[in-house]
Protein backbone atom coordinates (compact mmCIF):
# COMPACT_ATOMS: atom_id res chain seq x y z
CA UNK A 1 0.00 0.00 0.00
CA UNK A 2 1.12 3.55 -0.69
CA UNK A 3 -0.21 7.03 -0.07
CA UNK A 4 -0.50 9.65 -2.80
CA UNK A 5 0.55 13.30 -2.53
CA UNK A 6 -0.13 15.86 -5.24
CA UNK A 7 1.46 19.23 -4.51
CA UNK A 8 0.69 22.47 -6.38
CA UNK A 9 0.28 20.77 -9.76
CA UNK A 10 -0.24 23.00 -12.81
CA UNK A 11 -0.98 21.86 -16.34
CA UNK A 12 -1.82 23.90 -19.42
CA UNK A 13 -2.77 22.99 -22.98
CA UNK A 14 -1.95 25.98 -25.10
CA UNK A 15 -3.58 28.96 -23.39
CA UNK A 16 -5.97 26.82 -21.35
CA UNK A 17 -5.14 26.22 -17.67
CA UNK A 18 -6.44 22.68 -17.14
CA UNK A 19 -4.96 22.24 -13.65
CA UNK A 20 -4.26 25.31 -11.56
CA UNK A 21 -2.45 24.55 -8.32
CA UNK A 22 -3.97 21.21 -7.34
CA UNK A 23 -3.13 19.85 -3.86
CA UNK A 24 -4.40 16.41 -2.75
CA UNK A 25 -3.32 13.85 -0.20
CA UNK A 26 -4.79 10.34 -0.32
CA UNK A 27 -4.14 7.99 2.59
CA UNK A 28 -2.60 4.61 1.94
CA UNK A 29 -5.27 2.02 1.15
CA UNK A 30 -8.03 4.57 0.63
CA UNK A 31 -10.58 4.86 -2.17
CA UNK A 32 -10.50 8.42 -3.53
CA UNK A 33 -12.89 9.83 -6.10
CA UNK A 34 -12.07 12.78 -8.33
CA UNK A 35 -15.52 14.24 -8.93
CA UNK A 36 -16.58 17.02 -11.24
CA UNK A 37 -18.32 17.93 -14.47
CA UNK A 38 -16.73 17.59 -17.90
CA UNK A 39 -13.73 19.87 -18.35
CA UNK A 40 -12.94 20.28 -14.65
CA UNK A 41 -9.51 18.64 -15.03
CA UNK A 42 -10.15 15.34 -13.26
CA UNK A 43 -9.13 13.03 -16.13
CA UNK A 44 -6.09 15.17 -16.92
CA UNK A 45 -5.05 14.90 -13.29
CA UNK A 46 -5.43 11.12 -13.44
CA UNK A 47 -3.27 10.99 -16.55
CA UNK A 48 -0.65 13.13 -14.79
CA UNK A 49 -0.60 10.66 -11.89
CA UNK A 50 -0.15 7.83 -14.39
CA UNK A 51 2.64 9.67 -16.20
CA UNK A 52 0.71 9.84 -19.47
CA UNK A 53 0.78 13.66 -19.22
CA UNK A 54 3.68 15.69 -17.85
CA UNK A 55 2.97 18.42 -15.31
CA UNK A 56 4.16 21.97 -15.95
CA UNK A 57 4.99 22.60 -12.30
CA UNK A 58 4.35 20.84 -9.01
CA UNK A 59 5.04 17.32 -7.87
CA UNK A 60 3.41 13.90 -7.54
CA UNK A 61 4.62 11.41 -4.92
CA UNK A 62 3.55 7.80 -4.37
CA UNK A 63 4.56 6.09 -1.16
CA UNK A 64 6.98 8.91 -0.41
CA UNK A 65 8.70 8.57 -3.79
CA UNK A 66 8.64 11.53 -6.14
CA UNK A 67 7.40 10.11 -9.46
CA UNK A 68 6.88 13.41 -11.24
CA UNK A 69 9.65 12.80 -13.77
CA UNK A 70 9.57 8.99 -13.76
CA UNK A 71 8.35 7.10 -16.85
CA UNK A 72 4.86 5.57 -16.58
CA UNK A 73 6.13 1.99 -16.71
CA UNK A 74 8.45 2.66 -13.75
CA UNK A 75 5.77 4.10 -11.43
CA UNK A 76 4.32 0.68 -10.48
CA UNK A 77 0.79 1.90 -11.04
CA UNK A 78 -2.03 0.46 -13.12
CA UNK A 79 -4.75 2.28 -15.02
CA UNK A 80 -8.13 1.05 -16.23
CA UNK A 81 -9.55 3.03 -19.11
CA UNK A 82 -13.18 3.85 -19.78
CA UNK A 83 -13.07 1.78 -23.00
CA UNK A 84 -11.42 -1.18 -21.14
CA UNK A 85 -8.84 -1.40 -24.02
CA UNK A 86 -8.90 -5.21 -24.25
CA UNK A 87 -6.79 -6.68 -27.04
CA UNK A 88 -9.29 -8.35 -29.43
CA UNK A 89 -6.88 -11.03 -30.73
CA UNK A 90 -5.99 -12.32 -27.24
CA UNK A 91 -7.96 -14.56 -24.94
CA UNK A 92 -9.18 -13.35 -21.56
CA UNK A 93 -6.23 -15.07 -19.85
CA UNK A 94 -3.68 -13.57 -22.26
CA UNK A 95 -5.21 -10.11 -21.88
CA UNK A 96 -4.71 -10.31 -18.14
CA UNK A 97 -1.22 -11.76 -18.55
CA UNK A 98 -0.21 -9.07 -21.07
CA UNK A 99 1.24 -6.47 -18.62
CA UNK A 100 3.31 -9.22 -16.98
CA UNK A 101 4.73 -10.21 -20.37
CA UNK A 102 5.71 -6.60 -21.00
CA UNK A 103 7.79 -6.60 -17.81
CA UNK A 104 9.68 -9.72 -18.86
CA UNK A 105 11.25 -11.83 -16.11
CA UNK A 106 10.13 -9.44 -13.37
CA UNK A 107 7.11 -11.69 -12.86
CA UNK A 108 8.82 -15.02 -13.56
CA UNK A 109 8.44 -17.40 -16.50
CA UNK A 110 5.34 -18.03 -18.59
CA UNK A 111 3.89 -20.53 -16.12
CA UNK A 112 4.35 -18.17 -13.18
CA UNK A 113 2.72 -15.34 -15.14
CA UNK A 114 -0.24 -17.58 -16.05
CA UNK A 115 -0.68 -18.45 -12.38
CA UNK A 116 -0.79 -14.76 -11.47
CA UNK A 117 -3.26 -14.08 -14.27
CA UNK A 118 -5.54 -16.93 -13.16
CA UNK A 119 -5.41 -15.66 -9.58
CA UNK A 120 -6.42 -12.18 -10.71
CA UNK A 121 -9.31 -13.65 -12.73
CA UNK A 122 -10.44 -15.59 -9.70
CA UNK A 123 -10.59 -12.38 -7.68
CA UNK A 124 -13.08 -10.92 -10.15
CA UNK A 125 -14.97 -14.23 -10.67
CA UNK A 126 -13.88 -14.56 -14.31
CA UNK A 127 -11.51 -17.57 -14.20
CA UNK A 128 -14.17 -19.84 -15.76
CA UNK A 129 -14.08 -17.66 -18.91
CA UNK A 130 -10.28 -17.54 -19.23
CA UNK A 131 -10.24 -19.10 -22.72
CA UNK A 132 -12.87 -16.77 -24.24
CA UNK A 133 -12.16 -13.87 -26.57
CA UNK A 134 -13.20 -10.32 -25.66
CA UNK A 135 -15.91 -10.27 -28.36
CA UNK A 136 -17.60 -13.21 -26.62
CA UNK A 137 -18.05 -11.25 -23.39
CA UNK A 138 -20.76 -8.90 -22.14
CA UNK A 139 -19.90 -5.35 -21.14
CA UNK A 140 -19.82 -6.27 -17.47
CA UNK A 141 -17.58 -9.26 -18.16
CA UNK A 142 -15.20 -7.14 -20.24
CA UNK A 143 -14.99 -4.72 -17.35
CA UNK A 144 -14.07 -7.49 -14.92
CA UNK A 145 -11.30 -8.65 -17.28
CA UNK A 146 -9.95 -5.10 -17.48
CA UNK A 147 -10.04 -4.92 -13.71
CA UNK A 148 -8.17 -8.22 -13.38
CA UNK A 149 -5.51 -6.86 -15.73
CA UNK A 150 -5.24 -3.74 -13.54
CA UNK A 151 -4.57 -5.71 -10.36
CA UNK A 152 -2.52 -8.62 -11.72
CA UNK A 153 0.92 -7.09 -11.18
CA UNK A 154 0.30 -6.00 -7.59
CA UNK A 155 0.36 -2.23 -8.25
CA UNK A 156 0.79 0.22 -5.42
CA UNK A 157 -1.85 2.49 -6.92
CA UNK A 158 -4.88 1.75 -9.13
CA UNK A 159 -6.26 4.49 -11.39
CA UNK A 160 -9.80 4.15 -12.76
CA UNK A 161 -11.06 6.52 -15.47
CA UNK A 162 -14.88 6.44 -15.34
CA UNK A 163 -14.93 2.63 -15.63
CA UNK A 164 -18.65 2.25 -14.92
CA UNK A 165 -20.03 4.81 -17.35
CA UNK A 166 -20.66 2.28 -20.17
CA UNK A 167 -22.82 -0.02 -18.04
CA UNK A 168 -26.59 0.07 -17.61
CA UNK A 169 -27.99 1.36 -14.33
CA UNK A 170 -28.55 -1.99 -12.56
CA UNK A 171 -25.21 -3.48 -13.60
CA UNK A 172 -23.45 -0.24 -12.64
CA UNK A 173 -24.92 -0.45 -9.15
CA UNK A 174 -23.79 -4.07 -8.79
CA UNK A 175 -20.30 -3.24 -10.01
CA UNK A 176 -20.02 -0.35 -7.54
CA UNK A 177 -20.45 -2.84 -4.70
CA UNK A 178 -18.07 -5.39 -6.25
CA UNK A 179 -15.39 -2.80 -6.99
CA UNK A 180 -15.39 -1.41 -3.47
CA UNK A 181 -15.32 -4.92 -2.01
CA UNK A 182 -12.34 -5.86 -4.19
CA UNK A 183 -10.50 -2.66 -3.33
CA UNK A 184 -11.05 -3.29 0.39
CA UNK A 185 -9.72 -6.85 0.13
CA UNK A 186 -6.64 -5.77 -1.85
CA UNK A 187 -5.96 -2.72 0.31
CA UNK A 188 -4.58 -0.83 -2.70
CA UNK A 189 -4.89 2.94 -2.84
CA UNK A 190 -7.38 3.65 -5.63
CA UNK A 191 -8.13 6.90 -7.50
CA UNK A 192 -11.46 6.86 -9.30
CA UNK A 193 -12.61 9.50 -11.78
CA UNK A 194 -16.35 10.09 -12.10
CA UNK A 195 -18.90 12.77 -12.89
CA UNK A 196 -21.63 10.91 -10.98
CA UNK A 197 -22.07 12.33 -7.48
CA UNK A 198 -24.04 9.32 -6.22
CA UNK A 199 -21.23 7.04 -7.37
CA UNK A 200 -18.59 9.14 -5.59
CA UNK A 201 -20.57 9.47 -2.37
CA UNK A 202 -21.40 5.76 -2.12
CA UNK A 203 -17.98 4.33 -2.98
CA UNK A 204 -15.35 6.65 -1.53
CA UNK A 205 -13.34 7.20 1.60
CA UNK A 206 -12.46 10.64 0.25
CA UNK A 207 -14.15 12.79 -2.38
CA UNK A 208 -12.16 15.49 -4.21
CA UNK A 209 -14.61 17.87 -5.87
CA UNK A 210 -13.04 19.78 -8.76
CA UNK A 211 -14.13 22.77 -10.81
CA UNK A 212 -12.16 24.77 -13.36
CA UNK A 213 -8.88 23.01 -12.70
CA UNK A 214 -8.88 23.56 -8.92
CA UNK A 215 -10.02 21.57 -5.91
CA UNK A 216 -13.30 23.08 -4.77
CA UNK A 217 -13.51 20.94 -1.63
CA UNK A 218 -12.04 17.66 -0.36
CA UNK A 219 -13.12 15.41 2.49
CA UNK A 220 -15.22 12.41 3.44
CA UNK A 221 -18.49 11.91 1.56
CA UNK A 222 -20.42 12.64 4.74
CA UNK A 223 -18.57 15.92 5.36
CA UNK A 224 -18.94 17.21 1.81
CA UNK A 225 -22.61 16.36 1.70
CA UNK A 226 -23.49 17.78 5.13
CA UNK A 227 -21.04 20.68 5.18
CA UNK A 228 -20.51 22.05 1.67
CA UNK A 229 -18.14 24.98 1.68
CA UNK A 230 -19.45 26.71 -1.42
CA UNK A 231 -22.61 27.12 -3.49
CA UNK A 232 -21.10 24.91 -6.20
CA UNK A 233 -20.38 22.12 -3.69
CA UNK A 234 -23.88 22.31 -2.22
CA UNK A 235 -25.52 22.23 -5.65
CA UNK A 236 -23.29 19.56 -7.20
CA UNK A 237 -23.37 17.11 -4.29
CA UNK A 238 -26.98 16.04 -3.89
CA UNK A 239 -30.17 18.01 -4.26
CA UNK A 240 -30.02 21.27 -2.30
CA UNK A 241 -32.47 24.12 -1.85
CA UNK A 242 -30.58 27.42 -1.95
CA UNK A 243 -32.74 30.25 -0.58
CA UNK A 244 -31.83 33.91 -0.91
CA UNK A 245 -31.82 35.29 2.63
CA UNK A 246 -30.81 38.48 4.43
CA UNK A 247 -29.58 38.82 7.99
CA UNK A 248 -32.25 39.62 10.58
CA UNK A 249 -31.92 40.48 14.30
CA UNK A 250 -31.61 37.67 16.82
CA UNK A 251 -29.75 35.16 14.63
CA UNK A 252 -32.57 35.04 12.10
CA UNK A 253 -32.61 34.85 8.32
CA UNK A 254 -35.26 36.67 6.35
CA UNK A 255 -36.85 34.75 3.47
CA UNK A 256 -39.03 37.35 1.79
CA UNK A 257 -41.36 38.66 4.48
CA UNK A 258 -40.90 35.56 6.65
CA UNK A 259 -38.00 34.72 8.97
CA UNK A 260 -36.42 31.43 10.00
CA UNK A 261 -33.65 30.63 12.49
CA UNK A 262 -30.14 30.87 11.08
CA UNK A 263 -27.57 28.17 11.92
CA UNK A 264 -24.93 30.88 12.31
CA UNK A 265 -24.42 34.63 12.37
CA UNK A 266 -23.90 36.41 9.05
CA UNK A 267 -24.07 39.89 7.62
CA UNK A 268 -26.02 41.19 4.66
CA UNK A 269 -27.15 38.75 1.98
CA UNK A 270 -26.40 35.04 1.84
CA UNK A 271 -27.77 31.68 0.77
CA UNK A 272 -29.53 29.31 3.17
CA UNK A 273 -29.00 25.69 2.13
CA UNK A 274 -31.44 22.95 3.12
CA UNK A 275 -31.38 19.48 1.58
CA UNK A 276 -34.58 18.33 -0.09
CA UNK A 277 -34.86 15.26 2.13
CA UNK A 278 -34.44 17.29 5.35
CA UNK A 279 -37.64 19.28 4.81
CA UNK A 280 -40.91 18.06 6.29
CA UNK A 281 -44.37 18.83 4.93
CA UNK A 282 -47.17 19.51 7.41
CA UNK A 283 -45.12 17.85 10.13
CA UNK A 284 -43.67 20.70 12.23
CA UNK A 285 -42.98 18.80 15.47
CA UNK A 286 -39.31 18.98 16.50
CA UNK A 287 -38.49 21.67 13.95
CA UNK A 288 -37.67 25.31 14.62
CA UNK A 289 -37.85 26.65 11.03
CA UNK A 290 -41.23 26.96 9.32
CA UNK A 291 -42.48 28.56 6.09
CA UNK A 292 -45.86 28.63 4.43
CA UNK A 293 -45.73 27.39 0.84
CA UNK A 294 -47.98 26.51 -2.07
CA UNK A 295 -47.55 23.23 -4.00
CA UNK A 296 -46.89 23.93 -7.68
CA UNK A 297 -45.99 20.41 -8.81
CA UNK A 298 -46.22 16.84 -7.52
CA UNK A 299 -43.99 14.26 -9.23
CA UNK A 300 -44.31 10.53 -8.49
CA UNK A 301 -40.90 8.77 -8.58
CA UNK A 302 -41.72 5.24 -7.51
CA UNK A 303 -40.56 5.00 -3.91
CA UNK A 304 -40.86 8.74 -3.26
CA UNK A 305 -42.51 12.00 -4.22
CA UNK A 306 -40.85 15.17 -5.41
CA UNK A 307 -42.87 18.22 -4.39
CA UNK A 308 -42.08 21.59 -5.97
CA UNK A 309 -43.27 24.46 -3.77
CA UNK A 310 -43.42 28.24 -3.84
CA UNK A 311 -42.46 29.84 -0.52
CA UNK A 312 -42.19 33.61 -0.28
CA UNK A 313 -41.55 33.77 -4.01
CA UNK A 314 -38.75 31.19 -3.94
CA UNK A 315 -38.79 27.61 -5.17
CA UNK A 316 -38.37 24.84 -2.62
CA UNK A 317 -38.13 21.17 -3.59
CA UNK A 318 -38.95 18.42 -1.13
CA UNK A 319 -38.40 14.67 -1.38
CA UNK A 320 -41.02 12.93 0.73
CA UNK A 321 -43.02 9.72 1.15
CA UNK A 322 -45.61 8.70 -1.43
CA UNK A 323 -48.14 8.71 1.42
CA UNK A 324 -47.94 12.52 1.63
CA UNK A 325 -51.39 13.62 0.52
CA UNK A 326 -50.82 17.07 -0.87
CA UNK A 327 -51.57 18.24 -4.39
CA UNK A 328 -50.93 21.22 -6.67
CA UNK A 329 -52.40 24.54 -5.47
CA UNK A 330 -52.70 23.33 -1.87
CA UNK A 331 -51.12 25.38 0.93
CA UNK A 332 -48.69 23.55 3.21
CA UNK A 333 -46.24 24.24 6.00
CA UNK A 334 -42.63 23.24 5.34
CA UNK A 335 -40.36 22.73 8.33
CA UNK A 336 -36.78 21.79 9.15
CA UNK A 337 -34.32 22.14 12.02
CA UNK A 338 -31.81 24.97 11.84
CA UNK A 339 -29.01 22.46 12.50
CA UNK A 340 -29.83 20.83 9.14
CA UNK A 341 -29.30 24.10 7.25
CA UNK A 342 -26.13 25.93 6.23
CA UNK A 343 -25.28 29.56 5.44
CA UNK A 344 -23.26 30.00 2.23
CA UNK A 345 -21.92 33.09 0.56
CA UNK A 346 -23.69 34.14 -2.64
């Protein structure tokens, strides 16, 4: 196992600053997600860690070793690409053995390499298909083969570039569980690139949220979700209501002509963040913040309802039980506890 330290990394392509002073530390054995929308720099950062892109300035260290100027093949890392990149003319077993062949005698003779490849296939439950060709596999099976190839050489770091994006929703969910379970059993530090916030929150020990080539916020999934530092973080991680508020006397926040308790002191104008699932409808007990609202839309989503409300001229969205009997144009009371809200700068 090895930790990962990225210090003040900059990378430009022409006049475009893709990475602008990125600092990250990942603990040994942890599962770290680089999360952000397209163009935020997450995949470029992953390629810099792998050595497929050179950094302009800054450093990258793995296990205390500075690998910034070391060739990719000497970094003892493995990378799994979004396309899986399986070699079509090789069997499953030979695809997994391929990186061992490229290292020559480092991993022993042909028989020793085959044993390592079979062991890696066993870890992803694909050893029974070792003789098949890639074209004879489903998408999920191809992914498992690519994963076996990534772990076969005992890397000190595994890099995954949106490996689940090509799978359908149900298979993606299953593979999330399997991937985390495998990572835990191997104990290998893993860096996972994704644009899917649910994926990052459910799989990671640490989430690094990126925007515009910088780290917007980094921490545990629970911390980022419950304590977003910026409007972008609040909006990107989960469904958040962001209400325009102004400071009112007595640690209060004014929402239009109404006031609600503020979780902290602030001056002037700000945003009050409340998660959709933290708001109750017509159930004020135990809450200290209340607003009158009118239902504008009621959306059935299977196991839950999404209610869209108008409160003091601002839109509030609430995720609630399907047993909530309110309908468009009805007046309701929405409530939450001030501890569940956050004040953010506009």
